[in-house]
Amino acid sequence: MLKNLLNLFGKVTIQNSEANILKEIDFESLYKFNSTINRIEEADICLLIGVDPRKEAAILNLQLRKHFVNSNFKVANIGSVLNLTFPCVQLGSSIEDVLKLAQGQNSFCEVLKKSKKPMIIFGSSFFDSIDESTARLILSFITKNINVVSKNWNGINFLGSQASQIGCSEVGIGVNVLSTKPKFIYAIGDATIDDNLENCFIVYQGHQGNSSALKANLILPGAAYTEKDATYINIEGRAQKTQKILSAPGKAKEDVSILSAIISLICEKEFNHKFVEVENYNLVSNKYFNQIDISGLGYSKIKNKFIVSGKVNNFYLADPISKASPTMTKCSKQLLVKSPFLM
């Protein structure tokens, strides 16, 4: 619905305030959790690169722990030292450690080589340390020498730091660079708007009431996720529907109602905005190419030598709703007492 509205305006730029939109979204396997959560128990080893499943995907971490308790399942990590509530082998914390693994210079390579169904989980923090294209190229070096992709198994998994990453990739929203200052901004949800914008008309649609709402010239109050029937895309690319349990307060309306009303005002022709049934996207199985050009690797720029595992630092203040909650603020204070270096 949002893309239909934007198409009416012609050339527009879509930006994400958390910089979590991916560059390479041509194939579904590039941005999904291909192994699926239900098939984690089939894996015999797991390699984490720049991801913290305990903070970024608690259910996934629970499945990993369950598999570890019930079998001889091993988990290794490259990035910040993690506390996953179960043992995890620390292989390093820098890009050099990833390169050594790709070159077969790490003793853990032998374990990966012998594995029948290995699983690799990497996150957005890995792309923050090095260019996304280069990061995927390095991953391809590792996967070419192990059984991570086979006829009935795809163990290459991307775990986003935010729930919207997979959905954005599904509808074809990729990275866009804003070259000039905008004259019109349509902010949705927890979008952050810069302070140095002049002569710009700002429209805010959402329910958080964050700083972006204070800067807006026009506010379109939206319903929260508990106040509407909605469809979300999980890390596997499957559609999950939620039901309305509360009525939206005041004049707040569902997002689709707001966008449909705007489209009907702009578009003279009758616009068909019926809901499209979302199918199971996991029916398509994509594989990486065997032949990869490595000539551009030497010119790649490393943004950060060290890999930080996960973007979620303070678990209790990870989103605007939690930041506005008195209960989450109290929980955060207790966390800071135990870990005073968290921001």
C-alpha atoms as a PDB file:
ATOM      1  CA  MET A   1       0.000   0.000   0.000  1.00  0.00           C
ATOM      2  CA  LEU A   2       2.803   2.435   0.850  1.00  0.00           C
ATOM      3  CA  LYS A   3       4.649   1.641  -2.395  1.00  0.00           C
ATOM      4  CA  ASN A   4       1.447   2.250  -4.347  1.00  0.00           C
ATOM      5  CA  LEU A   5       1.162   5.666  -2.748  1.00  0.00           C
ATOM      6  CA  LEU A   6       4.777   6.519  -3.510  1.00  0.00           C
ATOM      7  CA  ASN A   7       4.386   5.467  -7.138  1.00  0.00           C
ATOM      8  CA  LEU A   8       1.765   8.162  -7.567  1.00  0.00           C
ATOM      9  CA  PHE A   9       4.394  10.804  -6.810  1.00  0.00           C
ATOM     10  CA  GLY A  10       6.897   9.477  -9.342  1.00  0.00           C
ATOM     11  CA  LYS A  11      10.534   9.523  -8.216  1.00  0.00           C
ATOM     12  CA  VAL A  12      10.855   9.264  -4.434  1.00  0.00           C
ATOM     13  CA  THR A  13      13.563   8.230  -1.988  1.00  0.00           C
ATOM     14  CA  ILE A  14      12.912   5.702   0.771  1.00  0.00           C
ATOM     15  CA  GLN A  15      15.186   5.918   3.775  1.00  0.00           C
ATOM     16  CA  ASN A  16      15.334   4.010   7.040  1.00  0.00           C
ATOM     17  CA  SER A  17      16.344   5.937  10.157  1.00  0.00           C
ATOM     18  CA  GLU A  18      18.036   2.892  11.726  1.00  0.00           C
ATOM     19  CA  ALA A  19      20.098   2.177   8.581  1.00  0.00           C
ATOM     20  CA  ASN A  20      18.878  -1.431   8.589  1.00  0.00           C
ATOM     21  CA  ILE A  21      17.849  -1.643   4.922  1.00  0.00           C
ATOM     22  CA  LEU A  22      19.942  -4.105   2.935  1.00  0.00           C
ATOM     23  CA  LYS A  23      21.662  -3.431  -0.373  1.00  0.00           C
ATOM     24  CA  GLU A  24      21.436  -6.867  -1.967  1.00  0.00           C
ATOM     25  CA  ILE A  25      17.846  -8.122  -2.032  1.00  0.00           C
ATOM     26  CA  ASP A  26      17.710  -9.756  -5.477  1.00  0.00           C
ATOM     27  CA  PHE A  27      17.350 -13.269  -4.054  1.00  0.00           C
ATOM     28  CA  GLU A  28      15.253 -14.266  -1.069  1.00  0.00           C
ATOM     29  CA  SER A  29      18.074 -16.363   0.364  1.00  0.00           C
ATOM     30  CA  LEU A  30      20.150 -13.195   0.836  1.00  0.00           C
ATOM     31  CA  TYR A  31      17.948 -11.752   3.579  1.00  0.00           C
ATOM     32  CA  LYS A  32      16.009 -14.645   5.095  1.00  0.00           C
ATOM     33  CA  PHE A  33      16.604 -17.206   7.815  1.00  0.00           C
ATOM     34  CA  ASN A  34      16.782 -20.058   5.322  1.00  0.00           C
ATOM     35  CA  SER A  35      17.199 -22.959   7.751  1.00  0.00           C
ATOM     36  CA  THR A  36      13.913 -22.022   9.482  1.00  0.00           C
ATOM     37  CA  ILE A  37      13.532 -22.199  13.240  1.00  0.00           C
ATOM     38  CA  ASN A  38      11.798 -25.585  13.191  1.00  0.00           C
ATOM     39  CA  ARG A  39      14.759 -27.218  11.420  1.00  0.00           C
ATOM     40  CA  ILE A  40      17.451 -25.929  13.776  1.00  0.00           C
ATOM     41  CA  GLU A  41      17.460 -29.335  15.463  1.00  0.00           C
ATOM     42  CA  GLU A  42      18.776 -30.857  12.218  1.00  0.00           C
ATOM     43  CA  ALA A  43      21.978 -28.793  12.335  1.00  0.00           C
ATOM     44  CA  ASP A  44      25.042 -30.234  14.042  1.00  0.00           C
ATOM     45  CA  ILE A  45      27.055 -27.000  14.318  1.00  0.00           C
ATOM     46  CA  CYS A  46      26.333 -23.270  14.255  1.00  0.00           C
ATOM     47  CA  LEU A  47      28.603 -20.301  13.490  1.00  0.00           C
ATOM     48  CA  LEU A  48      27.531 -16.815  14.639  1.00  0.00           C
ATOM     49  CA  ILE A  49      29.046 -13.743  12.952  1.00  0.00           C
ATOM     50  CA  GLY A  50      28.160 -10.286  14.234  1.00  0.00           C
ATOM     51  CA  VAL A  51      24.897 -11.331  15.866  1.00  0.00           C
ATOM     52  CA  ASP A  52      23.524 -11.765  19.396  1.00  0.00           C
ATOM     53  CA  PRO A  53      20.484 -14.075  19.221  1.00  0.00           C
ATOM     54  CA  ARG A  54      19.710 -13.721  22.926  1.00  0.00           C
ATOM     55  CA  LYS A  55      18.954 -10.000  22.550  1.00  0.00           C
ATOM     56  CA  GLU A  56      17.887  -9.829  18.915  1.00  0.00           C
ATOM     57  CA  ALA A  57      15.833 -13.041  18.642  1.00  0.00           C
ATOM     58  CA  ALA A  58      15.019 -14.594  22.002  1.00  0.00           C
ATOM     59  CA  ILE A  59      12.928 -17.437  20.538  1.00  0.00           C
ATOM     60  CA  LEU A  60      15.751 -18.381  18.192  1.00  0.00           C
ATOM     61  CA  ASN A  61      18.217 -18.395  21.083  1.00  0.00           C
ATOM     62  CA  LEU A  62      15.845 -20.640  23.031  1.00  0.00           C
ATOM     63  CA  GLN A  63      15.794 -23.123  20.152  1.00  0.00           C
ATOM     64  CA  LEU A  64      19.596 -23.093  19.976  1.00  0.00           C
ATOM     65  CA  ARG A  65      19.821 -23.771  23.702  1.00  0.00           C
ATOM     66  CA  LYS A  66      17.240 -26.551  23.475  1.00  0.00           C
ATOM     67  CA  HIS A  67      19.233 -28.197  20.682  1.00  0.00           C
ATOM     68  CA  PHE A  68      22.455 -27.852  22.687  1.00  0.00           C
ATOM     69  CA  VAL A  69      20.918 -29.486  25.767  1.00  0.00           C
ATOM     70  CA  ASN A  70      19.419 -32.403  23.839  1.00  0.00           C
ATOM     71  CA  SER A  71      22.324 -33.207  21.500  1.00  0.00           C
ATOM     72  CA  ASN A  72      26.013 -32.755  20.738  1.00  0.00           C
ATOM     73  CA  PHE A  73      25.335 -29.369  19.162  1.00  0.00           C
ATOM     74  CA  LYS A  74      28.228 -26.866  19.066  1.00  0.00           C
ATOM     75  CA  VAL A  75      27.999 -23.081  18.699  1.00  0.00           C
ATOM     76  CA  ALA A  76      30.920 -20.799  17.788  1.00  0.00           C
ATOM     77  CA  ASN A  77      31.015 -17.013  17.596  1.00  0.00           C
ATOM     78  CA  ILE A  78      33.029 -14.278  15.885  1.00  0.00           C
ATOM     79  CA  GLY A  79      32.275 -10.902  17.426  1.00  0.00           C
ATOM     80  CA  SER A  80      31.701  -9.584  20.912  1.00  0.00           C
ATOM     81  CA  VAL A  81      31.808 -12.111  23.725  1.00  0.00           C
ATOM     82  CA  LEU A  82      28.269 -13.434  24.195  1.00  0.00           C
ATOM     83  CA  ASN A  83      26.285 -14.775  27.127  1.00  0.00           C
ATOM     84  CA  LEU A  84      23.755 -17.047  25.440  1.00  0.00           C
ATOM     85  CA  THR A  85      22.859 -19.071  28.593  1.00  0.00           C
ATOM     86  CA  PHE A  86      24.770 -22.016  27.056  1.00  0.00           C
ATOM     87  CA  PRO A  87      28.444 -22.556  26.115  1.00  0.00           C
ATOM     88  CA  CYS A  88      29.721 -20.818  22.991  1.00  0.00           C
ATOM     89  CA  VAL A  89      33.230 -21.114  21.511  1.00  0.00           C
ATOM     90  CA  GLN A  90      34.805 -17.689  20.931  1.00  0.00           C
ATOM     91  CA  LEU A  91      36.804 -17.702  17.662  1.00  0.00           C
ATOM     92  CA  GLY A  92      37.682 -14.004  17.629  1.00  0.00           C
ATOM     93  CA  SER A  93      36.217 -10.526  17.410  1.00  0.00           C
ATOM     94  CA  SER A  94      37.636  -8.892  14.280  1.00  0.00           C
ATOM     95  CA  ILE A  95      37.422  -8.995  10.486  1.00  0.00           C
ATOM     96  CA  GLU A  96      40.847 -10.666  10.435  1.00  0.00           C
ATOM     97  CA  ASP A  97      39.407 -13.636  12.324  1.00  0.00           C
ATOM     98  CA  VAL A  98      36.666 -13.988   9.706  1.00  0.00           C
ATOM     99  CA  LEU A  99      39.252 -13.854   6.906  1.00  0.00           C
ATOM    100  CA  LYS A 100      41.375 -16.516   8.615  1.00  0.00           C
ATOM    101  CA  LEU A 101      38.316 -18.729   8.815  1.00  0.00           C
ATOM    102  CA  ALA A 102      37.584 -18.142   5.127  1.00  0.00           C
ATOM    103  CA  GLN A 103      41.207 -19.025   4.266  1.00  0.00           C
ATOM    104  CA  GLY A 104      41.105 -22.217   6.336  1.00  0.00           C
ATOM    105  CA  GLN A 105      43.680 -20.958   8.851  1.00  0.00           C
ATOM    106  CA  ASN A 106      41.499 -21.576  11.909  1.00  0.00           C
ATOM    107  CA  SER A 107      41.333 -24.953  13.669  1.00  0.00           C
ATOM    108  CA  PHE A 108      37.551 -24.643  13.715  1.00  0.00           C
ATOM    109  CA  CYS A 109      37.578 -25.073   9.922  1.00  0.00           C
ATOM    110  CA  GLU A 110      38.138 -28.797  10.390  1.00  0.00           C
ATOM    111  CA  VAL A 111      34.979 -29.018  12.501  1.00  0.00           C
ATOM    112  CA  LEU A 112      33.012 -27.135   9.852  1.00  0.00           C
ATOM    113  CA  LYS A 113      34.407 -29.349   7.109  1.00  0.00           C
ATOM    114  CA  LYS A 114      33.278 -32.548   8.838  1.00  0.00           C
ATOM    115  CA  SER A 115      29.838 -31.175   9.635  1.00  0.00           C
ATOM    116  CA  LYS A 116      26.943 -32.688   7.663  1.00  0.00           C
ATOM    117  CA  LYS A 117      24.520 -29.816   8.213  1.00  0.00           C
ATOM    118  CA  PRO A 118      26.356 -26.698   9.384  1.00  0.00           C
ATOM    119  CA  MET A 119      24.508 -23.473  10.003  1.00  0.00           C
ATOM    120  CA  ILE A 120      25.842 -19.901   9.686  1.00  0.00           C
ATOM    121  CA  ILE A 121      23.940 -16.997  11.237  1.00  0.00           C
ATOM    122  CA  PHE A 122      25.161 -13.483  10.462  1.00  0.00           C
ATOM    123  CA  GLY A 123      23.658 -10.114  11.344  1.00  0.00           C
ATOM    124  CA  SER A 124      23.606  -6.453  10.380  1.00  0.00           C
ATOM    125  CA  SER A 125      26.588  -5.695  12.607  1.00  0.00           C
ATOM    126  CA  PHE A 126      28.772  -7.739  10.252  1.00  0.00           C
ATOM    127  CA  PHE A 127      27.762  -5.407   7.419  1.00  0.00           C
ATOM    128  CA  ASP A 128      28.558  -2.389   9.597  1.00  0.00           C
ATOM    129  CA  SER A 129      32.162  -3.529   9.934  1.00  0.00           C
ATOM    130  CA  ILE A 130      32.728  -4.101   6.237  1.00  0.00           C
ATOM    131  CA  ASP A 131      30.843  -3.392   3.020  1.00  0.00           C
ATOM    132  CA  GLU A 132      27.828  -5.650   2.539  1.00  0.00           C
ATOM    133  CA  SER A 133      28.990  -6.952  -0.862  1.00  0.00           C
ATOM    134  CA  THR A 134      32.426  -7.788   0.520  1.00  0.00           C
ATOM    135  CA  ALA A 135      30.930  -9.418   3.600  1.00  0.00           C
ATOM    136  CA  ARG A 136      28.775 -11.679   1.452  1.00  0.00           C
ATOM    137  CA  LEU A 137      31.804 -12.501  -0.717  1.00  0.00           C
ATOM    138  CA  ILE A 138      33.763 -13.581   2.367  1.00  0.00           C
ATOM    139  CA  LEU A 139      30.822 -15.721   3.465  1.00  0.00           C
ATOM    140  CA  SER A 140      30.800 -17.372   0.044  1.00  0.00           C
ATOM    141  CA  PHE A 141      34.466 -18.361   0.522  1.00  0.00           C
ATOM    142  CA  ILE A 142      33.489 -20.173   3.726  1.00  0.00           C
ATOM    143  CA  THR A 143      30.400 -21.839   2.297  1.00  0.00           C
ATOM    144  CA  LYS A 144      32.194 -23.203  -0.802  1.00  0.00           C
ATOM    145  CA  ASN A 145      34.275 -25.522   1.392  1.00  0.00           C
ATOM    146  CA  ILE A 146      31.559 -26.854   3.708  1.00  0.00           C
ATOM    147  CA  ASN A 147      28.174 -28.557   3.314  1.00  0.00           C
ATOM    148  CA  VAL A 148      26.168 -25.479   4.227  1.00  0.00           C
ATOM    149  CA  VAL A 149      24.069 -25.611   1.037  1.00  0.00           C
ATOM    150  CA  SER A 150      22.769 -28.896  -0.359  1.00  0.00           C
ATOM    151  CA  LYS A 151      19.674 -30.257  -2.042  1.00  0.00           C
ATOM    152  CA  ASN A 152      17.593 -30.361   1.149  1.00  0.00           C
ATOM    153  CA  TRP A 153      19.454 -27.885   3.318  1.00  0.00           C
ATOM    154  CA  ASN A 154      20.343 -24.185   3.258  1.00  0.00           C
ATOM    155  CA  GLY A 155      22.294 -23.197   6.347  1.00  0.00           C
ATOM    156  CA  ILE A 156      23.057 -19.576   5.351  1.00  0.00           C
ATOM    157  CA  ASN A 157      20.907 -17.385   7.560  1.00  0.00           C
ATOM    158  CA  PHE A 158      20.532 -13.637   7.962  1.00  0.00           C
ATOM    159  CA  LEU A 159      19.206 -12.363  11.294  1.00  0.00           C
ATOM    160  CA  GLY A 160      18.120  -8.736  11.218  1.00  0.00           C
ATOM    161  CA  SER A 161      18.309  -6.447  14.216  1.00  0.00           C
ATOM    162  CA  GLN A 162      14.787  -5.175  13.560  1.00  0.00           C
ATOM    163  CA  ALA A 163      11.546  -6.896  12.629  1.00  0.00           C
ATOM    164  CA  SER A 164      11.041  -4.650   9.598  1.00  0.00           C
ATOM    165  CA  GLN A 165      14.172  -5.728   7.718  1.00  0.00           C
ATOM    166  CA  ILE A 166      12.680  -8.813   6.088  1.00  0.00           C
ATOM    167  CA  GLY A 167       9.444  -7.029   5.231  1.00  0.00           C
ATOM    168  CA  CYS A 168      11.303  -4.144   3.587  1.00  0.00           C
ATOM    169  CA  SER A 169      13.324  -6.566   1.486  1.00  0.00           C
ATOM    170  CA  GLU A 170      10.206  -8.526   0.505  1.00  0.00           C
ATOM    171  CA  VAL A 171       8.507  -5.479  -1.013  1.00  0.00           C
ATOM    172  CA  GLY A 172      11.723  -4.445  -2.769  1.00  0.00           C
ATOM    173  CA  ILE A 173      12.854  -1.565  -0.576  1.00  0.00           C
ATOM    174  CA  GLY A 174      16.634  -1.318  -0.861  1.00  0.00           C
ATOM    175  CA  VAL A 175      19.310   1.222   0.014  1.00  0.00           C
ATOM    176  CA  ASN A 176      18.799   4.757  -1.307  1.00  0.00           C
ATOM    177  CA  VAL A 177      21.192   7.691  -0.989  1.00  0.00           C
ATOM    178  CA  LEU A 178      19.659  11.121  -0.410  1.00  0.00           C
ATOM    179  CA  SER A 179      21.685  13.549  -2.521  1.00  0.00           C
ATOM    180  CA  THR A 180      19.708  16.745  -1.894  1.00  0.00           C
ATOM    181  CA  LYS A 181      17.679  18.091   0.986  1.00  0.00           C
ATOM    182  CA  PRO A 182      14.060  16.987   0.706  1.00  0.00           C
ATOM    183  CA  LYS A 183      11.115  19.339   0.367  1.00  0.00           C
ATOM    184  CA  PHE A 184       8.592  16.815   1.665  1.00  0.00           C
ATOM    185  CA  ILE A 185       8.995  13.997   4.209  1.00  0.00           C
ATOM    186  CA  TYR A 186       6.448  11.322   5.045  1.00  0.00           C
ATOM    187  CA  ALA A 187       7.652   9.682   8.276  1.00  0.00           C
ATOM    188  CA  ILE A 188       6.074   6.450   9.500  1.00  0.00           C
ATOM    189  CA  GLY A 189       6.436   4.735  12.855  1.00  0.00           C
ATOM    190  CA  ASP A 190       9.721   5.232  14.691  1.00  0.00           C
ATOM    191  CA  ALA A 191      11.389   7.141  11.842  1.00  0.00           C
ATOM    192  CA  THR A 192      13.905   9.767  12.978  1.00  0.00           C
ATOM    193  CA  ILE A 193      13.938  13.163  11.264  1.00  0.00           C
ATOM    194  CA  ASP A 194      17.028  15.371  11.127  1.00  0.00           C
ATOM    195  CA  ASP A 195      16.998  18.711  12.925  1.00  0.00           C
ATOM    196  CA  ASN A 196      18.643  20.754  10.170  1.00  0.00           C
ATOM    197  CA  LEU A 197      15.786  20.569   7.656  1.00  0.00           C
ATOM    198  CA  GLU A 198      14.521  23.915   6.359  1.00  0.00           C
ATOM    199  CA  ASN A 199      11.568  24.666   4.090  1.00  0.00           C
ATOM    200  CA  CYS A 200      10.455  21.064   4.362  1.00  0.00           C
ATOM    201  CA  PHE A 201       6.892  19.937   4.982  1.00  0.00           C
ATOM    202  CA  ILE A 202       6.848  16.949   7.331  1.00  0.00           C
ATOM    203  CA  VAL A 203       3.990  14.482   7.751  1.00  0.00           C
ATOM    204  CA  TYR A 204       4.167  11.961  10.599  1.00  0.00           C
ATOM    205  CA  GLN A 205       2.050   8.810  10.696  1.00  0.00           C
ATOM    206  CA  GLY A 206       2.255   6.609  13.759  1.00  0.00           C
ATOM    207  CA  HIS A 207       1.442   6.151  17.411  1.00  0.00           C
ATOM    208  CA  GLN A 208       4.779   6.349  19.250  1.00  0.00           C
ATOM    209  CA  GLY A 209       4.768  10.115  19.766  1.00  0.00           C
ATOM    210  CA  ASN A 210       8.545  10.350  19.471  1.00  0.00           C
ATOM    211  CA  SER A 211      10.652  13.372  18.533  1.00  0.00           C
ATOM    212  CA  SER A 212       9.605  13.085  14.877  1.00  0.00           C
ATOM    213  CA  ALA A 213       5.994  13.819  15.825  1.00  0.00           C
ATOM    214  CA  LEU A 214       7.067  17.072  17.483  1.00  0.00           C
ATOM    215  CA  LYS A 215       8.781  18.232  14.272  1.00  0.00           C
ATOM    216  CA  ALA A 216       5.854  17.341  12.012  1.00  0.00           C
ATOM    217  CA  ASN A 217       3.660  19.905  10.297  1.00  0.00           C
ATOM    218  CA  LEU A 218       0.884  17.340  10.019  1.00  0.00           C
ATOM    219  CA  ILE A 219       0.256  14.363  12.306  1.00  0.00           C
ATOM    220  CA  LEU A 220      -1.825  11.396  11.178  1.00  0.00           C
ATOM    221  CA  PRO A 221      -2.443   9.308  14.322  1.00  0.00           C
ATOM    222  CA  GLY A 222      -2.113   5.598  13.652  1.00  0.00           C
ATOM    223  CA  ALA A 223      -3.113   2.525  15.592  1.00  0.00           C
ATOM    224  CA  ALA A 224      -0.648   0.423  17.576  1.00  0.00           C
ATOM    225  CA  TYR A 225      -0.029  -3.233  16.746  1.00  0.00           C
ATOM    226  CA  THR A 226      -2.503  -4.246  19.471  1.00  0.00           C
ATOM    227  CA  GLU A 227      -5.194  -2.000  17.989  1.00  0.00           C
ATOM    228  CA  LYS A 228      -5.385  -3.396  14.443  1.00  0.00           C
ATOM    229  CA  ASP A 229      -5.477  -6.559  12.391  1.00  0.00           C
ATOM    230  CA  ALA A 230      -2.119  -6.700  10.689  1.00  0.00           C
ATOM    231  CA  THR A 231       0.232  -8.974   8.767  1.00  0.00           C
ATOM    232  CA  TYR A 232       3.937  -9.159   9.613  1.00  0.00           C
ATOM    233  CA  ILE A 233       6.826 -10.984   7.958  1.00  0.00           C
ATOM    234  CA  ASN A 234       9.048 -12.986  10.298  1.00  0.00           C
ATOM    235  CA  ILE A 235      12.734 -13.802   9.844  1.00  0.00           C
ATOM    236  CA  GLU A 236      11.850 -16.845   7.724  1.00  0.00           C
ATOM    237  CA  GLY A 237       9.840 -14.706   5.304  1.00  0.00           C
ATOM    238  CA  ARG A 238       6.542 -16.248   6.437  1.00  0.00           C
ATOM    239  CA  ALA A 239       3.476 -14.097   6.967  1.00  0.00           C
ATOM    240  CA  GLN A 240       2.117 -13.916  10.507  1.00  0.00           C
ATOM    241  CA  LYS A 241      -1.226 -12.292  11.181  1.00  0.00           C
ATOM    242  CA  THR A 242      -2.235 -10.555  14.404  1.00  0.00           C
ATOM    243  CA  GLN A 243      -5.698  -9.793  15.725  1.00  0.00           C
ATOM    244  CA  LYS A 244      -7.051  -6.593  17.188  1.00  0.00           C
ATOM    245  CA  ILE A 245      -7.520  -6.711  20.966  1.00  0.00           C
ATOM    246  CA  LEU A 246      -7.990  -3.005  21.774  1.00  0.00           C
ATOM    247  CA  SER A 247      -9.739  -0.072  20.140  1.00  0.00           C
ATOM    248  CA  ALA A 248      -7.563   2.754  18.904  1.00  0.00           C
ATOM    249  CA  PRO A 249      -7.979   5.887  21.044  1.00  0.00           C
ATOM    250  CA  GLY A 250      -9.341   9.168  19.703  1.00  0.00           C
ATOM    251  CA  LYS A 251      -9.080   9.666  15.951  1.00  0.00           C
ATOM    252  CA  ALA A 252      -6.323   7.106  15.436  1.00  0.00           C
ATOM    253  CA  LYS A 253      -6.878   4.779  12.481  1.00  0.00           C
ATOM    254  CA  GLU A 254      -5.202   1.747  11.012  1.00  0.00           C
ATOM    255  CA  ASP A 255      -2.248   2.411   8.692  1.00  0.00           C
ATOM    256  CA  VAL A 256      -3.957   0.867   5.671  1.00  0.00           C
ATOM    257  CA  SER A 257      -6.996   3.103   6.197  1.00  0.00           C
ATOM    258  CA  ILE A 258      -4.843   6.235   6.284  1.00  0.00           C
ATOM    259  CA  LEU A 259      -2.884   5.298   3.173  1.00  0.00           C
ATOM    260  CA  SER A 260      -6.030   4.253   1.293  1.00  0.00           C
ATOM    261  CA  ALA A 261      -7.663   7.597   2.076  1.00  0.00           C
ATOM    262  CA  ILE A 262      -4.643   9.507   0.754  1.00  0.00           C
ATOM    263  CA  ILE A 263      -4.519   7.414  -2.417  1.00  0.00           C
ATOM    264  CA  SER A 264      -8.229   7.949  -3.084  1.00  0.00           C
ATOM    265  CA  LEU A 265      -7.716  11.721  -2.828  1.00  0.00           C
ATOM    266  CA  ILE A 266      -4.697  11.781  -5.153  1.00  0.00           C
ATOM    267  CA  CYS A 267      -5.666   9.162  -7.704  1.00  0.00           C
ATOM    268  CA  GLU A 268      -8.645  10.105  -9.870  1.00  0.00           C
ATOM    269  CA  LYS A 269      -9.165   6.586 -11.148  1.00  0.00           C
ATOM    270  CA  GLU A 270     -10.703   3.926  -8.985  1.00  0.00           C
ATOM    271  CA  PHE A 271      -7.873   2.328  -7.059  1.00  0.00           C
ATOM    272  CA  ASN A 272      -8.097  -1.296  -6.072  1.00  0.00           C
ATOM    273  CA  HIS A 273      -6.590  -1.648  -2.619  1.00  0.00           C
ATOM    274  CA  LYS A 274      -7.832  -5.098  -1.717  1.00  0.00           C
ATOM    275  CA  PHE A 275      -5.606  -7.138   0.500  1.00  0.00           C
ATOM    276  CA  VAL A 276      -3.458  -9.631  -1.342  1.00  0.00           C
ATOM    277  CA  GLU A 277      -3.230 -13.061   0.184  1.00  0.00           C
ATOM    278  CA  VAL A 278       0.329 -13.651   1.312  1.00  0.00           C
ATOM    279  CA  GLU A 279       1.641 -17.094   0.441  1.00  0.00           C
ATOM    280  CA  ASN A 280       4.367 -19.112   2.037  1.00  0.00           C
ATOM    281  CA  TYR A 281       7.592 -17.638   0.632  1.00  0.00           C
ATOM    282  CA  ASN A 282       9.664 -20.635   1.736  1.00  0.00           C
ATOM    283  CA  LEU A 283       8.515 -22.650  -1.281  1.00  0.00           C
ATOM    284  CA  VAL A 284      11.316 -21.098  -3.340  1.00  0.00           C
ATOM    285  CA  SER A 285      14.821 -22.351  -2.559  1.00  0.00           C
ATOM    286  CA  ASN A 286      17.667 -20.169  -3.856  1.00  0.00           C
ATOM    287  CA  LYS A 287      21.334 -21.119  -3.869  1.00  0.00           C
ATOM    288  CA  TYR A 288      24.486 -19.119  -4.210  1.00  0.00           C
ATOM    289  CA  PHE A 289      26.521 -19.245  -7.412  1.00  0.00           C
ATOM    290  CA  ASN A 290      29.592 -21.459  -7.411  1.00  0.00           C
ATOM    291  CA  GLN A 291      31.750 -19.162  -9.544  1.00  0.00           C
ATOM    292  CA  ILE A 292      32.503 -15.887  -7.739  1.00  0.00           C
ATOM    293  CA  ASP A 293      34.732 -13.037  -8.873  1.00  0.00           C
ATOM    294  CA  ILE A 294      37.193 -12.168  -6.093  1.00  0.00           C
ATOM    295  CA  SER A 295      39.083  -9.444  -7.963  1.00  0.00           C
ATOM    296  CA  GLY A 296      37.323  -6.624  -6.095  1.00  0.00           C
ATOM    297  CA  LEU A 297      38.099  -7.904  -2.624  1.00  0.00           C
ATOM    298  CA  GLY A 298      41.471  -6.176  -2.452  1.00  0.00           C
ATOM    299  CA  TYR A 299      39.860  -2.768  -2.949  1.00  0.00           C
ATOM    300  CA  SER A 300      37.266  -3.209  -0.210  1.00  0.00           C
ATOM    301  CA  LYS A 301      37.241  -0.747   2.650  1.00  0.00           C
ATOM    302  CA  ILE A 302      36.974  -1.969   6.225  1.00  0.00           C
ATOM    303  CA  LYS A 303      34.755   0.414   8.179  1.00  0.00           C
ATOM    304  CA  ASN A 304      35.485  -1.081  11.591  1.00  0.00           C
ATOM    305  CA  LYS A 305      38.144  -3.659  12.392  1.00  0.00           C
ATOM    306  CA  PHE A 306      36.160  -5.200  15.246  1.00  0.00           C
ATOM    307  CA  ILE A 307      32.788  -6.887  14.868  1.00  0.00           C
ATOM    308  CA  VAL A 308      30.166  -5.956  17.427  1.00  0.00           C
ATOM    309  CA  SER A 309      27.683  -8.770  18.010  1.00  0.00           C
ATOM    310  CA  GLY A 310      24.262  -7.214  17.673  1.00  0.00           C
ATOM    311  CA  LYS A 311      22.891  -3.694  17.633  1.00  0.00           C
ATOM    312  CA  VAL A 312      20.727  -4.117  20.721  1.00  0.00           C
ATOM    313  CA  ASN A 313      22.741  -2.878  23.691  1.00  0.00           C
ATOM    314  CA  ASN A 314      20.106  -2.163  26.321  1.00  0.00           C
ATOM    315  CA  PHE A 315      17.465  -4.866  25.883  1.00  0.00           C
ATOM    316  CA  TYR A 316      14.804  -2.944  27.822  1.00  0.00           C
ATOM    317  CA  LEU A 317      15.085   0.249  25.744  1.00  0.00           C
ATOM    318  CA  ALA A 318      15.312  -1.191  22.255  1.00  0.00           C
ATOM    319  CA  ASP A 319      12.318   0.607  20.714  1.00  0.00           C
ATOM    320  CA  PRO A 320      10.314   3.838  21.166  1.00  0.00           C
ATOM    321  CA  ILE A 321       7.457   2.090  22.996  1.00  0.00           C
ATOM    322  CA  SER A 322       9.824   0.601  25.564  1.00  0.00           C
ATOM    323  CA  LYS A 323      11.632   3.920  25.981  1.00  0.00           C
ATOM    324  CA  ALA A 324       8.327   5.583  26.908  1.00  0.00           C
ATOM    325  CA  SER A 325       7.402   2.845  29.391  1.00  0.00           C
ATOM    326  CA  PRO A 326       8.001   3.520  33.136  1.00  0.00           C
ATOM    327  CA  THR A 327       8.277  -0.229  33.753  1.00  0.00           C
ATOM    328  CA  MET A 328      10.970  -0.686  31.096  1.00  0.00           C
ATOM    329  CA  THR A 329      12.824   2.332  32.497  1.00  0.00           C
ATOM    330  CA  LYS A 330      12.947   0.683  35.927  1.00  0.00           C
ATOM    331  CA  CYS A 331      14.186  -2.566  34.371  1.00  0.00           C
ATOM    332  CA  SER A 332      16.845  -0.609  32.498  1.00  0.00           C
ATOM    333  CA  LYS A 333      18.081   1.000  35.723  1.00  0.00           C
ATOM    334  CA  GLN A 334      18.481  -2.432  37.302  1.00  0.00           C
ATOM    335  CA  LEU A 335      20.407  -3.581  34.231  1.00  0.00           C
ATOM    336  CA  LEU A 336      22.726  -0.567  34.411  1.00  0.00           C
ATOM    337  CA  VAL A 337      23.506  -1.395  38.034  1.00  0.00           C
ATOM    338  CA  LYS A 338      24.845  -4.804  36.918  1.00  0.00           C
ATOM    339  CA  SER A 339      26.406  -3.514  33.682  1.00  0.00           C
ATOM    340  CA  PRO A 340      27.264   0.193  34.156  1.00  0.00           C
ATOM    341  CA  PHE A 341      28.980   0.523  30.748  1.00  0.00           C
ATOM    342  CA  LEU A 342      25.772  -0.011  28.777  1.00  0.00           C
ATOM    343  CA  MET A 343      24.297   3.069  27.124  1.00  0.00           C
END
